[in-house]
Amino acid sequence: MRLAQIFLELQEKGAANINLVTGAHYVPHVVAALEEARKQGMDLPVVYNSSGYEKVETLKLLEGYVDVYLPDYKYAQKELAQQYSHAADYPETAREAIREMVRQTGVAVFDEEGYIRRGTIVRHLILPGHTRNSIEALTWLHQTYGEQIYISIMNQYTPVFEQENYPELNRKVTRREYEKVLNAAFELGIVNGFFQDGKTAEESFIPAFDYEGVL
């Protein structure tokens, strides 16, 4: 199986983990490949990188195969989810998915070098003009999971073309907006968290999307 061979090659090349990005539609194939690779000695941690918009039934197929879940929790407000992603059911769908991820992985565990070995890290991207959505998202995550998970609060939203239908998105998140969300996180008592500093929303951080380096 070619995918299993790729996993083994990554281990041979010294990869820190197997990172599966938005792979829901390939889950049965991924599970079979991981099973085969493990039989041949692959023991790298597996990271499942997701939008958060996942079916619980799909996630259950991954139990025992994924060590770290890395989902987004984009919207706490269904109106915003409908407006920008045409998915009013995103908040509840993502919440159910995250519940399943945390059930599988438990409390986050890091090794002595600071690499996560098991657990769930939930990412939230702040949108310009929508700090209330961000604060609601962080509130739900912290009140539901406390220190079981880590939360990554991101300020890197970058408009890459002119939005005609959503002109409010034609700018980056301001420092004031980001600080407002961070202050809310501190007030909530979030300890297990990551935040960004510097120029993460600069164009130089946007990949070329030229398929270079893609296996």
N, C-alpha and C. Protein backbone atom coordinates (compact mmCIF):
# COMPACT_ATOMS: atom_id res chain seq x y z
N MET A 1 0.85 -1.20 0.00
CA MET A 1 0.00 0.00 0.00
C MET A 1 0.89 1.25 0.00
N ARG A 2 0.71 2.11 -1.00
CA ARG A 2 1.60 3.26 -1.18
C ARG A 2 1.56 4.21 0.03
N LEU A 3 0.37 4.47 0.58
CA LEU A 3 0.27 5.41 1.70
C LEU A 3 1.02 4.89 2.92
N ALA A 4 0.92 3.60 3.19
CA ALA A 4 1.66 3.01 4.31
C ALA A 4 3.16 3.18 4.10
N GLN A 5 3.60 3.02 2.86
CA GLN A 5 5.02 3.18 2.55
C GLN A 5 5.47 4.62 2.78
N ILE A 6 4.60 5.57 2.46
CA ILE A 6 4.93 6.98 2.70
C ILE A 6 5.11 7.23 4.19
N PHE A 7 4.23 6.67 5.02
CA PHE A 7 4.36 6.84 6.46
C PHE A 7 5.70 6.29 6.95
N LEU A 8 6.09 5.13 6.45
CA LEU A 8 7.36 4.52 6.84
C LEU A 8 8.55 5.36 6.38
N GLU A 9 8.44 5.92 5.18
CA GLU A 9 9.52 6.77 4.66
C GLU A 9 9.67 8.04 5.50
N LEU A 10 8.55 8.59 5.94
CA LEU A 10 8.62 9.79 6.79
C LEU A 10 9.35 9.47 8.09
N GLN A 11 9.09 8.30 8.66
CA GLN A 11 9.79 7.93 9.89
C GLN A 11 11.29 7.79 9.63
N GLU A 12 11.63 7.17 8.52
CA GLU A 12 13.04 6.98 8.18
C GLU A 12 13.76 8.32 7.99
N LYS A 13 13.01 9.32 7.51
CA LYS A 13 13.61 10.64 7.27
C LYS A 13 13.64 11.50 8.53
N GLY A 14 13.17 10.96 9.65
CA GLY A 14 13.25 11.69 10.91
C GLY A 14 12.08 12.61 11.20
N ALA A 15 10.93 12.38 10.57
CA ALA A 15 9.76 13.23 10.83
C ALA A 15 9.36 13.10 12.30
N ALA A 16 8.82 14.21 12.86
CA ALA A 16 8.39 14.21 14.26
C ALA A 16 7.04 13.53 14.42
N ASN A 17 6.22 13.57 13.36
CA ASN A 17 4.89 12.97 13.44
C ASN A 17 4.32 12.78 12.03
N ILE A 18 3.18 12.13 11.98
CA ILE A 18 2.40 12.01 10.74
C ILE A 18 1.27 13.02 10.85
N ASN A 19 1.23 13.99 9.95
CA ASN A 19 0.23 15.05 10.02
C ASN A 19 -0.81 14.84 8.91
N LEU A 20 -2.01 14.47 9.30
CA LEU A 20 -3.09 14.24 8.34
C LEU A 20 -3.94 15.50 8.27
N VAL A 21 -3.97 16.16 7.12
CA VAL A 21 -4.66 17.44 6.99
C VAL A 21 -5.96 17.27 6.21
N THR A 22 -7.07 17.65 6.86
CA THR A 22 -8.40 17.61 6.24
C THR A 22 -8.60 16.29 5.48
N GLY A 23 -8.49 15.19 6.21
CA GLY A 23 -8.53 13.88 5.55
C GLY A 23 -9.80 13.09 5.77
N ALA A 24 -10.90 13.75 6.14
CA ALA A 24 -12.13 13.01 6.49
C ALA A 24 -12.59 12.07 5.39
N HIS A 25 -12.49 12.51 4.13
CA HIS A 25 -13.01 11.70 3.03
C HIS A 25 -12.10 10.51 2.71
N TYR A 26 -10.92 10.44 3.35
CA TYR A 26 -10.01 9.33 3.12
C TYR A 26 -9.81 8.46 4.35
N VAL A 27 -10.61 8.69 5.38
CA VAL A 27 -10.37 8.03 6.67
C VAL A 27 -10.25 6.50 6.56
N PRO A 28 -11.15 5.77 5.88
CA PRO A 28 -10.98 4.31 5.81
C PRO A 28 -9.63 3.90 5.22
N HIS A 29 -9.16 4.64 4.20
CA HIS A 29 -7.88 4.34 3.57
C HIS A 29 -6.72 4.67 4.52
N VAL A 30 -6.86 5.79 5.23
CA VAL A 30 -5.82 6.21 6.17
C VAL A 30 -5.68 5.18 7.29
N VAL A 31 -6.81 4.72 7.83
CA VAL A 31 -6.78 3.73 8.91
C VAL A 31 -6.09 2.45 8.43
N ALA A 32 -6.43 2.00 7.24
CA ALA A 32 -5.80 0.78 6.70
C ALA A 32 -4.30 0.98 6.51
N ALA A 33 -3.91 2.17 6.04
CA ALA A 33 -2.48 2.44 5.81
C ALA A 33 -1.72 2.53 7.14
N LEU A 34 -2.33 3.15 8.13
CA LEU A 34 -1.68 3.24 9.45
C LEU A 34 -1.52 1.85 10.07
N GLU A 35 -2.54 1.02 9.90
CA GLU A 35 -2.49 -0.34 10.42
C GLU A 35 -1.32 -1.10 9.80
N GLU A 36 -1.19 -0.98 8.49
CA GLU A 36 -0.12 -1.67 7.77
C GLU A 36 1.25 -1.11 8.16
N ALA A 37 1.36 0.22 8.25
CA ALA A 37 2.64 0.85 8.59
C ALA A 37 3.07 0.46 10.01
N ARG A 38 2.13 0.38 10.92
CA ARG A 38 2.48 0.00 12.30
C ARG A 38 2.96 -1.45 12.36
N LYS A 39 2.38 -2.29 11.54
CA LYS A 39 2.84 -3.69 11.51
C LYS A 39 4.29 -3.76 11.05
N GLN A 40 4.71 -2.76 10.26
CA GLN A 40 6.07 -2.74 9.74
C GLN A 40 7.01 -1.87 10.58
N GLY A 41 6.53 -1.42 11.75
CA GLY A 41 7.43 -0.72 12.67
C GLY A 41 7.25 0.78 12.79
N MET A 42 6.28 1.37 12.10
CA MET A 42 6.06 2.82 12.22
C MET A 42 5.42 3.13 13.58
N ASP A 43 6.09 4.00 14.36
CA ASP A 43 5.54 4.33 15.67
C ASP A 43 5.48 5.84 15.92
N LEU A 44 5.43 6.61 14.83
CA LEU A 44 5.32 8.07 14.98
C LEU A 44 3.93 8.44 15.50
N PRO A 45 3.83 9.51 16.31
CA PRO A 45 2.51 10.00 16.69
C PRO A 45 1.76 10.51 15.47
N VAL A 46 0.45 10.32 15.45
CA VAL A 46 -0.37 10.74 14.32
C VAL A 46 -1.19 11.96 14.74
N VAL A 47 -1.10 13.04 13.94
CA VAL A 47 -1.83 14.28 14.20
C VAL A 47 -2.92 14.42 13.15
N TYR A 48 -4.16 14.63 13.60
CA TYR A 48 -5.28 14.81 12.68
C TYR A 48 -5.67 16.28 12.68
N ASN A 49 -5.37 16.95 11.56
CA ASN A 49 -5.53 18.40 11.41
C ASN A 49 -6.86 18.67 10.69
N SER A 50 -7.78 19.36 11.36
CA SER A 50 -9.16 19.39 10.87
C SER A 50 -9.81 20.76 11.01
N SER A 51 -10.81 21.01 10.17
CA SER A 51 -11.60 22.24 10.26
C SER A 51 -12.55 22.23 11.46
N GLY A 52 -12.71 21.04 12.06
CA GLY A 52 -13.67 20.91 13.16
C GLY A 52 -15.06 20.50 12.68
N TYR A 53 -15.30 20.62 11.39
CA TYR A 53 -16.62 20.28 10.83
C TYR A 53 -16.58 18.80 10.44
N GLU A 54 -16.70 17.94 11.43
CA GLU A 54 -16.50 16.51 11.26
C GLU A 54 -17.70 15.74 11.80
N LYS A 55 -17.95 14.58 11.22
CA LYS A 55 -18.97 13.68 11.76
C LYS A 55 -18.35 12.82 12.86
N VAL A 56 -19.09 12.66 13.95
CA VAL A 56 -18.60 11.84 15.05
C VAL A 56 -18.35 10.41 14.58
N GLU A 57 -19.21 9.90 13.71
CA GLU A 57 -19.04 8.54 13.21
C GLU A 57 -17.68 8.36 12.52
N THR A 58 -17.26 9.39 11.78
CA THR A 58 -15.95 9.34 11.11
C THR A 58 -14.83 9.33 12.13
N LEU A 59 -14.94 10.20 13.12
CA LEU A 59 -13.89 10.29 14.15
C LEU A 59 -13.75 8.98 14.92
N LYS A 60 -14.86 8.31 15.13
CA LYS A 60 -14.80 7.05 15.89
C LYS A 60 -13.99 5.99 15.14
N LEU A 61 -13.95 6.09 13.81
CA LEU A 61 -13.13 5.17 13.03
C LEU A 61 -11.64 5.38 13.31
N LEU A 62 -11.29 6.57 13.77
CA LEU A 62 -9.89 6.92 14.00
C LEU A 62 -9.42 6.60 15.41
N GLU A 63 -10.33 6.16 16.26
CA GLU A 63 -9.95 5.89 17.65
C GLU A 63 -8.86 4.81 17.69
N GLY A 64 -7.79 5.13 18.43
CA GLY A 64 -6.67 4.20 18.51
C GLY A 64 -5.62 4.44 17.44
N TYR A 65 -5.93 5.27 16.46
CA TYR A 65 -4.98 5.56 15.38
C TYR A 65 -4.44 6.99 15.46
N VAL A 66 -5.22 7.90 16.04
CA VAL A 66 -4.80 9.30 16.14
C VAL A 66 -4.37 9.59 17.58
N ASP A 67 -3.20 10.22 17.70
CA ASP A 67 -2.67 10.58 19.02
C ASP A 67 -3.02 12.02 19.39
N VAL A 68 -3.02 12.88 18.38
CA VAL A 68 -3.25 14.31 18.63
C VAL A 68 -4.28 14.83 17.63
N TYR A 69 -5.31 15.46 18.15
CA TYR A 69 -6.28 16.13 17.28
C TYR A 69 -5.99 17.63 17.29
N LEU A 70 -6.04 18.22 16.09
CA LEU A 70 -5.77 19.65 15.92
C LEU A 70 -6.93 20.28 15.14
N PRO A 71 -8.10 20.43 15.79
CA PRO A 71 -9.26 20.99 15.09
C PRO A 71 -9.34 22.51 15.21
N ASP A 72 -10.07 23.10 14.28
CA ASP A 72 -10.48 24.51 14.42
C ASP A 72 -11.80 24.54 15.18
N TYR A 73 -12.04 25.66 15.84
CA TYR A 73 -13.40 25.97 16.30
C TYR A 73 -13.64 27.39 15.82
N LYS A 74 -14.14 27.51 14.58
CA LYS A 74 -14.19 28.78 13.88
C LYS A 74 -15.29 29.70 14.39
N TYR A 75 -16.48 29.12 14.55
CA TYR A 75 -17.65 29.95 14.88
C TYR A 75 -18.36 29.42 16.12
N ALA A 76 -18.68 30.32 17.02
CA ALA A 76 -19.57 30.00 18.13
C ALA A 76 -20.98 30.46 17.80
N GLN A 77 -21.10 31.34 16.80
CA GLN A 77 -22.39 31.92 16.42
C GLN A 77 -22.85 31.32 15.09
N LYS A 78 -24.02 30.70 15.11
CA LYS A 78 -24.50 30.02 13.90
C LYS A 78 -24.79 31.01 12.78
N GLU A 79 -25.19 32.24 13.13
CA GLU A 79 -25.46 33.24 12.09
C GLU A 79 -24.19 33.56 11.31
N LEU A 80 -23.08 33.65 12.03
CA LEU A 80 -21.80 33.94 11.39
C LEU A 80 -21.36 32.75 10.54
N ALA A 81 -21.59 31.55 11.06
CA ALA A 81 -21.23 30.34 10.31
C ALA A 81 -22.01 30.26 9.00
N GLN A 82 -23.28 30.63 9.06
CA GLN A 82 -24.10 30.63 7.85
C GLN A 82 -23.65 31.71 6.89
N GLN A 83 -23.36 32.89 7.43
CA GLN A 83 -22.98 34.02 6.58
C GLN A 83 -21.69 33.77 5.81
N TYR A 84 -20.67 33.25 6.49
CA TYR A 84 -19.35 33.12 5.87
C TYR A 84 -19.05 31.72 5.32
N SER A 85 -19.71 30.70 5.85
CA SER A 85 -19.40 29.33 5.42
C SER A 85 -20.62 28.55 4.97
N HIS A 86 -21.80 29.19 4.95
CA HIS A 86 -23.04 28.52 4.54
C HIS A 86 -23.26 27.23 5.34
N ALA A 87 -22.93 27.29 6.63
CA ALA A 87 -23.06 26.10 7.49
C ALA A 87 -23.55 26.52 8.86
N ALA A 88 -24.84 26.78 8.96
CA ALA A 88 -25.41 27.23 10.24
C ALA A 88 -25.23 26.19 11.33
N ASP A 89 -25.03 24.94 10.93
CA ASP A 89 -24.87 23.88 11.93
C ASP A 89 -23.41 23.71 12.37
N TYR A 90 -22.53 24.60 11.89
CA TYR A 90 -21.11 24.46 12.25
C TYR A 90 -20.87 24.45 13.76
N PRO A 91 -21.41 25.40 14.53
CA PRO A 91 -21.08 25.41 15.98
C PRO A 91 -21.39 24.09 16.68
N GLU A 92 -22.60 23.56 16.47
CA GLU A 92 -22.95 22.32 17.16
C GLU A 92 -22.19 21.13 16.61
N THR A 93 -21.98 21.10 15.28
CA THR A 93 -21.23 20.01 14.67
C THR A 93 -19.80 19.98 15.19
N ALA A 94 -19.18 21.15 15.24
CA ALA A 94 -17.79 21.22 15.73
C ALA A 94 -17.72 20.87 17.22
N ARG A 95 -18.70 21.29 17.98
CA ARG A 95 -18.69 20.97 19.42
C ARG A 95 -18.77 19.47 19.65
N GLU A 96 -19.65 18.81 18.90
CA GLU A 96 -19.78 17.35 19.04
C GLU A 96 -18.49 16.66 18.60
N ALA A 97 -17.88 17.18 17.54
CA ALA A 97 -16.63 16.60 17.05
C ALA A 97 -15.52 16.76 18.08
N ILE A 98 -15.41 17.96 18.66
CA ILE A 98 -14.37 18.21 19.65
C ILE A 98 -14.59 17.34 20.89
N ARG A 99 -15.84 17.16 21.28
CA ARG A 99 -16.13 16.27 22.42
C ARG A 99 -15.58 14.87 22.16
N GLU A 100 -15.80 14.37 20.95
CA GLU A 100 -15.31 13.03 20.61
C GLU A 100 -13.78 13.00 20.59
N MET A 101 -13.17 14.04 20.07
CA MET A 101 -11.70 14.09 20.03
C MET A 101 -11.11 14.06 21.43
N VAL A 102 -11.68 14.86 22.32
CA VAL A 102 -11.18 14.91 23.69
C VAL A 102 -11.45 13.59 24.40
N ARG A 103 -12.58 12.98 24.13
CA ARG A 103 -12.87 11.67 24.73
C ARG A 103 -11.79 10.66 24.37
N GLN A 104 -11.37 10.71 23.09
CA GLN A 104 -10.36 9.75 22.64
C GLN A 104 -8.98 10.02 23.19
N THR A 105 -8.60 11.28 23.27
CA THR A 105 -7.20 11.60 23.60
C THR A 105 -6.96 11.92 25.06
N GLY A 106 -7.99 12.39 25.77
CA GLY A 106 -7.80 12.74 27.18
C GLY A 106 -6.97 14.01 27.35
N VAL A 107 -6.36 14.14 28.52
CA VAL A 107 -5.58 15.33 28.84
C VAL A 107 -4.31 15.38 27.99
N ALA A 108 -3.95 16.58 27.52
CA ALA A 108 -2.77 16.74 26.67
C ALA A 108 -1.49 16.35 27.40
N VAL A 109 -0.62 15.61 26.69
CA VAL A 109 0.65 15.16 27.25
C VAL A 109 1.78 15.60 26.33
N PHE A 110 2.82 16.21 26.91
CA PHE A 110 3.98 16.66 26.14
C PHE A 110 5.22 15.88 26.57
N ASP A 111 6.17 15.72 25.65
CA ASP A 111 7.41 15.04 26.04
C ASP A 111 8.42 16.06 26.58
N GLU A 112 9.61 15.58 26.95
CA GLU A 112 10.60 16.47 27.57
C GLU A 112 11.11 17.55 26.63
N GLU A 113 10.96 17.35 25.32
CA GLU A 113 11.40 18.36 24.36
C GLU A 113 10.30 19.35 24.01
N GLY A 114 9.13 19.18 24.62
CA GLY A 114 8.04 20.12 24.38
C GLY A 114 7.10 19.74 23.25
N TYR A 115 7.30 18.55 22.67
CA TYR A 115 6.41 18.09 21.60
C TYR A 115 5.19 17.42 22.22
N ILE A 116 4.01 17.74 21.68
CA ILE A 116 2.81 17.08 22.18
C ILE A 116 2.79 15.64 21.69
N ARG A 117 2.50 14.71 22.59
CA ARG A 117 2.45 13.30 22.25
C ARG A 117 1.02 12.76 22.21
N ARG A 118 0.15 13.43 22.94
CA ARG A 118 -1.24 12.99 22.97
C ARG A 118 -2.09 14.16 23.45
N GLY A 119 -3.31 14.27 22.93
CA GLY A 119 -4.20 15.33 23.40
C GLY A 119 -4.88 16.07 22.25
N THR A 120 -5.55 17.16 22.61
CA THR A 120 -6.28 17.96 21.63
C THR A 120 -5.91 19.43 21.79
N ILE A 121 -5.53 20.05 20.68
CA ILE A 121 -5.27 21.49 20.65
C ILE A 121 -6.32 22.10 19.72
N VAL A 122 -7.13 23.00 20.24
CA VAL A 122 -8.18 23.62 19.43
C VAL A 122 -7.72 25.01 18.99
N ARG A 123 -7.81 25.26 17.69
CA ARG A 123 -7.40 26.57 17.16
C ARG A 123 -8.63 27.44 16.94
N HIS A 124 -8.45 28.72 17.23
CA HIS A 124 -9.52 29.68 16.91
C HIS A 124 -8.91 30.89 16.22
N LEU A 125 -9.40 31.17 15.00
CA LEU A 125 -8.94 32.32 14.23
C LEU A 125 -9.89 33.49 14.43
N ILE A 126 -9.37 34.59 14.92
CA ILE A 126 -10.18 35.80 15.11
C ILE A 126 -10.46 36.42 13.75
N LEU A 127 -11.70 36.79 13.52
CA LEU A 127 -12.08 37.48 12.29
C LEU A 127 -12.23 38.97 12.57
N PRO A 128 -11.84 39.82 11.62
CA PRO A 128 -11.97 41.27 11.85
C PRO A 128 -13.41 41.67 12.10
N GLY A 129 -13.61 42.42 13.18
CA GLY A 129 -14.94 42.91 13.51
C GLY A 129 -15.80 41.91 14.26
N HIS A 130 -15.23 40.76 14.62
CA HIS A 130 -16.05 39.73 15.26
C HIS A 130 -15.41 39.19 16.54
N THR A 131 -14.99 40.10 17.39
CA THR A 131 -14.37 39.67 18.65
C THR A 131 -15.40 38.98 19.56
N ARG A 132 -16.66 39.35 19.44
CA ARG A 132 -17.68 38.71 20.29
C ARG A 132 -17.76 37.21 19.98
N ASN A 133 -17.72 36.87 18.71
CA ASN A 133 -17.72 35.46 18.32
C ASN A 133 -16.52 34.74 18.94
N SER A 134 -15.37 35.38 18.91
CA SER A 134 -14.16 34.78 19.46
C SER A 134 -14.29 34.55 20.96
N ILE A 135 -14.79 35.54 21.66
CA ILE A 135 -14.92 35.42 23.11
C ILE A 135 -15.92 34.33 23.47
N GLU A 136 -17.01 34.22 22.69
CA GLU A 136 -17.98 33.15 22.93
C GLU A 136 -17.34 31.78 22.68
N ALA A 137 -16.51 31.69 21.65
CA ALA A 137 -15.85 30.42 21.34
C ALA A 137 -14.90 30.02 22.47
N LEU A 138 -14.10 30.96 22.92
CA LEU A 138 -13.15 30.66 24.00
C LEU A 138 -13.87 30.32 25.30
N THR A 139 -14.97 31.02 25.56
CA THR A 139 -15.74 30.76 26.78
C THR A 139 -16.27 29.33 26.78
N TRP A 140 -16.83 28.90 25.66
CA TRP A 140 -17.36 27.54 25.61
C TRP A 140 -16.25 26.51 25.78
N LEU A 141 -15.15 26.72 25.09
CA LEU A 141 -14.04 25.76 25.16
C LEU A 141 -13.51 25.64 26.58
N HIS A 142 -13.30 26.78 27.24
CA HIS A 142 -12.70 26.73 28.58
C HIS A 142 -13.69 26.20 29.62
N GLN A 143 -14.93 26.65 29.52
CA GLN A 143 -15.92 26.18 30.50
C GLN A 143 -16.21 24.69 30.34
N THR A 144 -16.07 24.19 29.13
CA THR A 144 -16.36 22.78 28.88
C THR A 144 -15.18 21.88 29.21
N TYR A 145 -13.96 22.32 28.89
CA TYR A 145 -12.81 21.43 29.02
C TYR A 145 -11.74 21.89 30.00
N GLY A 146 -11.79 23.13 30.43
CA GLY A 146 -10.79 23.60 31.39
C GLY A 146 -9.38 23.35 30.89
N GLU A 147 -8.56 22.66 31.70
CA GLU A 147 -7.17 22.42 31.34
C GLU A 147 -6.95 21.08 30.63
N GLN A 148 -8.03 20.43 30.22
CA GLN A 148 -7.86 19.17 29.49
C GLN A 148 -7.27 19.40 28.11
N ILE A 149 -7.57 20.56 27.52
CA ILE A 149 -7.11 20.86 26.16
C ILE A 149 -6.21 22.08 26.16
N TYR A 150 -5.57 22.31 25.02
CA TYR A 150 -4.86 23.57 24.79
C TYR A 150 -5.63 24.34 23.73
N ILE A 151 -5.58 25.66 23.83
CA ILE A 151 -6.30 26.52 22.89
C ILE A 151 -5.29 27.45 22.21
N SER A 152 -5.33 27.48 20.90
CA SER A 152 -4.45 28.37 20.13
C SER A 152 -5.28 29.53 19.58
N ILE A 153 -4.96 30.75 20.02
CA ILE A 153 -5.72 31.94 19.62
C ILE A 153 -4.93 32.65 18.54
N MET A 154 -5.48 32.70 17.34
CA MET A 154 -4.71 33.16 16.18
C MET A 154 -5.19 34.51 15.65
N ASN A 155 -4.23 35.34 15.29
CA ASN A 155 -4.55 36.67 14.75
C ASN A 155 -4.13 36.80 13.29
N GLN A 156 -3.91 35.67 12.61
CA GLN A 156 -3.27 35.70 11.30
C GLN A 156 -4.22 35.85 10.12
N TYR A 157 -5.49 36.16 10.37
CA TYR A 157 -6.41 36.34 9.24
C TYR A 157 -5.82 37.35 8.26
N THR A 158 -5.73 36.94 6.98
CA THR A 158 -5.12 37.79 5.95
C THR A 158 -6.01 37.79 4.71
N PRO A 159 -6.58 38.94 4.33
CA PRO A 159 -7.39 38.99 3.09
C PRO A 159 -6.47 38.85 1.88
N VAL A 160 -6.76 37.88 1.03
CA VAL A 160 -5.89 37.66 -0.13
C VAL A 160 -6.49 38.19 -1.43
N PHE A 161 -7.74 38.59 -1.39
CA PHE A 161 -8.35 39.24 -2.54
C PHE A 161 -9.49 40.13 -2.03
N GLU A 162 -9.96 41.02 -2.87
CA GLU A 162 -10.99 41.97 -2.47
C GLU A 162 -12.35 41.28 -2.37
N GLN A 163 -12.93 41.32 -1.17
CA GLN A 163 -14.25 40.72 -0.95
C GLN A 163 -15.33 41.73 -1.32
N GLU A 164 -16.19 41.37 -2.28
CA GLU A 164 -17.28 42.26 -2.66
C GLU A 164 -18.50 42.06 -1.76
N ASN A 165 -18.79 40.80 -1.42
CA ASN A 165 -19.97 40.51 -0.61
C ASN A 165 -19.75 40.77 0.88
N TYR A 166 -18.50 40.67 1.32
CA TYR A 166 -18.20 40.85 2.74
C TYR A 166 -17.07 41.87 2.90
N PRO A 167 -17.35 43.14 2.64
CA PRO A 167 -16.30 44.16 2.69
C PRO A 167 -15.65 44.28 4.07
N GLU A 168 -16.36 43.86 5.12
CA GLU A 168 -15.79 43.94 6.47
C GLU A 168 -14.58 43.01 6.64
N LEU A 169 -14.44 42.06 5.71
CA LEU A 169 -13.31 41.13 5.79
C LEU A 169 -12.11 41.58 4.95
N ASN A 170 -12.18 42.77 4.41
CA ASN A 170 -11.09 43.27 3.57
C ASN A 170 -10.01 43.97 4.39
N ARG A 171 -9.79 43.50 5.58
CA ARG A 171 -8.71 44.04 6.41
C ARG A 171 -8.24 42.97 7.39
N LYS A 172 -7.10 43.22 7.99
CA LYS A 172 -6.58 42.29 8.99
C LYS A 172 -7.18 42.60 10.35
N VAL A 173 -6.94 41.71 11.28
CA VAL A 173 -7.37 41.94 12.66
C VAL A 173 -6.46 42.99 13.28
N THR A 174 -7.04 43.98 13.95
CA THR A 174 -6.23 45.03 14.57
C THR A 174 -5.60 44.53 15.86
N ARG A 175 -4.55 45.20 16.28
CA ARG A 175 -3.91 44.85 17.54
C ARG A 175 -4.90 45.00 18.70
N ARG A 176 -5.74 46.05 18.62
CA ARG A 176 -6.72 46.27 19.68
C ARG A 176 -7.70 45.10 19.76
N GLU A 177 -8.15 44.60 18.60
CA GLU A 177 -9.08 43.47 18.59
C GLU A 177 -8.42 42.24 19.19
N TYR A 178 -7.17 41.99 18.80
CA TYR A 178 -6.48 40.82 19.32
C TYR A 178 -6.27 40.90 20.83
N GLU A 179 -5.89 42.08 21.28
CA GLU A 179 -5.68 42.25 22.73
C GLU A 179 -6.99 42.11 23.50
N LYS A 180 -8.09 42.54 22.89
CA LYS A 180 -9.39 42.39 23.55
C LYS A 180 -9.71 40.91 23.76
N VAL A 181 -9.45 40.10 22.75
CA VAL A 181 -9.71 38.66 22.86
C VAL A 181 -8.75 38.02 23.85
N LEU A 182 -7.48 38.41 23.80
CA LEU A 182 -6.50 37.85 24.75
C LEU A 182 -6.87 38.21 26.18
N ASN A 183 -7.28 39.45 26.40
CA ASN A 183 -7.68 39.87 27.75
C ASN A 183 -8.86 39.04 28.25
N ALA A 184 -9.80 38.77 27.34
CA ALA A 184 -10.95 37.94 27.71
C ALA A 184 -10.49 36.53 28.08
N ALA A 185 -9.50 36.01 27.33
CA ALA A 185 -8.97 34.68 27.62
C ALA A 185 -8.33 34.63 29.01
N PHE A 186 -7.58 35.69 29.34
CA PHE A 186 -6.94 35.74 30.66
C PHE A 186 -8.00 35.84 31.76
N GLU A 187 -9.02 36.63 31.50
CA GLU A 187 -10.09 36.78 32.50
C GLU A 187 -10.86 35.47 32.70
N LEU A 188 -10.97 34.69 31.64
CA LEU A 188 -11.64 33.39 31.75
C LEU A 188 -10.80 32.40 32.56
N GLY A 189 -9.51 32.69 32.63
CA GLY A 189 -8.61 31.79 33.37
C GLY A 189 -7.93 30.76 32.49
N ILE A 190 -7.89 31.02 31.19
CA ILE A 190 -7.23 30.07 30.28
C ILE A 190 -5.72 30.09 30.53
N VAL A 191 -5.20 28.94 30.88
CA VAL A 191 -3.77 28.79 31.15
C VAL A 191 -3.09 28.01 30.03
N ASN A 192 -3.72 26.93 29.62
CA ASN A 192 -3.15 26.10 28.56
C ASN A 192 -3.50 26.71 27.20
N GLY A 193 -2.73 27.69 26.80
CA GLY A 193 -3.04 28.36 25.55
C GLY A 193 -1.80 28.85 24.82
N PHE A 194 -1.98 29.10 23.54
CA PHE A 194 -0.92 29.67 22.71
C PHE A 194 -1.48 30.94 22.07
N PHE A 195 -0.66 31.97 21.96
CA PHE A 195 -1.08 33.15 21.22
C PHE A 195 0.05 33.58 20.31
N GLN A 196 -0.27 34.41 19.34
CA GLN A 196 0.70 34.80 18.32
C GLN A 196 1.17 36.23 18.54
N ASP A 197 2.42 36.43 18.22
CA ASP A 197 2.98 37.77 18.28
C ASP A 197 3.75 38.00 16.99
N GLY A 198 3.99 39.24 16.65
CA GLY A 198 4.73 39.52 15.43
C GLY A 198 3.83 39.68 14.23
N LYS A 199 4.42 39.51 13.05
CA LYS A 199 3.71 39.81 11.81
C LYS A 199 3.18 38.56 11.13
N THR A 200 2.34 37.81 11.85
CA THR A 200 1.83 36.55 11.30
C THR A 200 0.82 36.76 10.19
N ALA A 201 0.31 37.96 10.04
CA ALA A 201 -0.69 38.21 8.99
C ALA A 201 -0.06 38.85 7.76
N GLU A 202 1.27 38.84 7.67
CA GLU A 202 1.92 39.42 6.50
C GLU A 202 1.83 38.46 5.31
N GLU A 203 1.87 39.01 4.12
CA GLU A 203 1.77 38.20 2.91
C GLU A 203 2.90 37.18 2.82
N SER A 204 4.06 37.47 3.45
CA SER A 204 5.19 36.57 3.38
C SER A 204 4.91 35.25 4.08
N PHE A 205 3.85 35.20 4.91
CA PHE A 205 3.50 33.98 5.61
C PHE A 205 2.55 33.11 4.79
N ILE A 206 2.08 33.61 3.66
CA ILE A 206 1.12 32.86 2.85
C ILE A 206 1.88 31.92 1.92
N PRO A 207 1.60 30.60 1.95
CA PRO A 207 2.29 29.65 1.07
C PRO A 207 2.02 29.96 -0.39
N ALA A 208 2.93 29.49 -1.23
CA ALA A 208 2.78 29.73 -2.68
C ALA A 208 1.72 28.81 -3.30
N PHE A 209 1.36 27.74 -2.59
CA PHE A 209 0.39 26.78 -3.11
C PHE A 209 0.77 26.28 -4.51
N ASP A 210 2.06 25.91 -4.64
CA ASP A 210 2.55 25.43 -5.94
C ASP A 210 2.83 23.92 -5.91
N TYR A 211 2.35 23.25 -4.82
CA TYR A 211 2.49 21.81 -4.67
C TYR A 211 3.93 21.37 -4.39
N GLU A 212 4.86 22.29 -4.21
CA GLU A 212 6.23 21.91 -3.93
C GLU A 212 6.30 21.23 -2.56
N GLY A 213 6.96 20.10 -2.49
CA GLY A 213 7.13 19.39 -1.24
C GLY A 213 5.96 18.51 -0.85
N VAL A 214 4.93 18.46 -1.70
CA VAL A 214 3.75 17.64 -1.39
C VAL A 214 4.01 16.21 -1.87
N LEU A 215 3.78 15.24 -0.97
CA LEU A 215 4.02 13.84 -1.34
C LEU A 215 2.85 13.31 -2.18
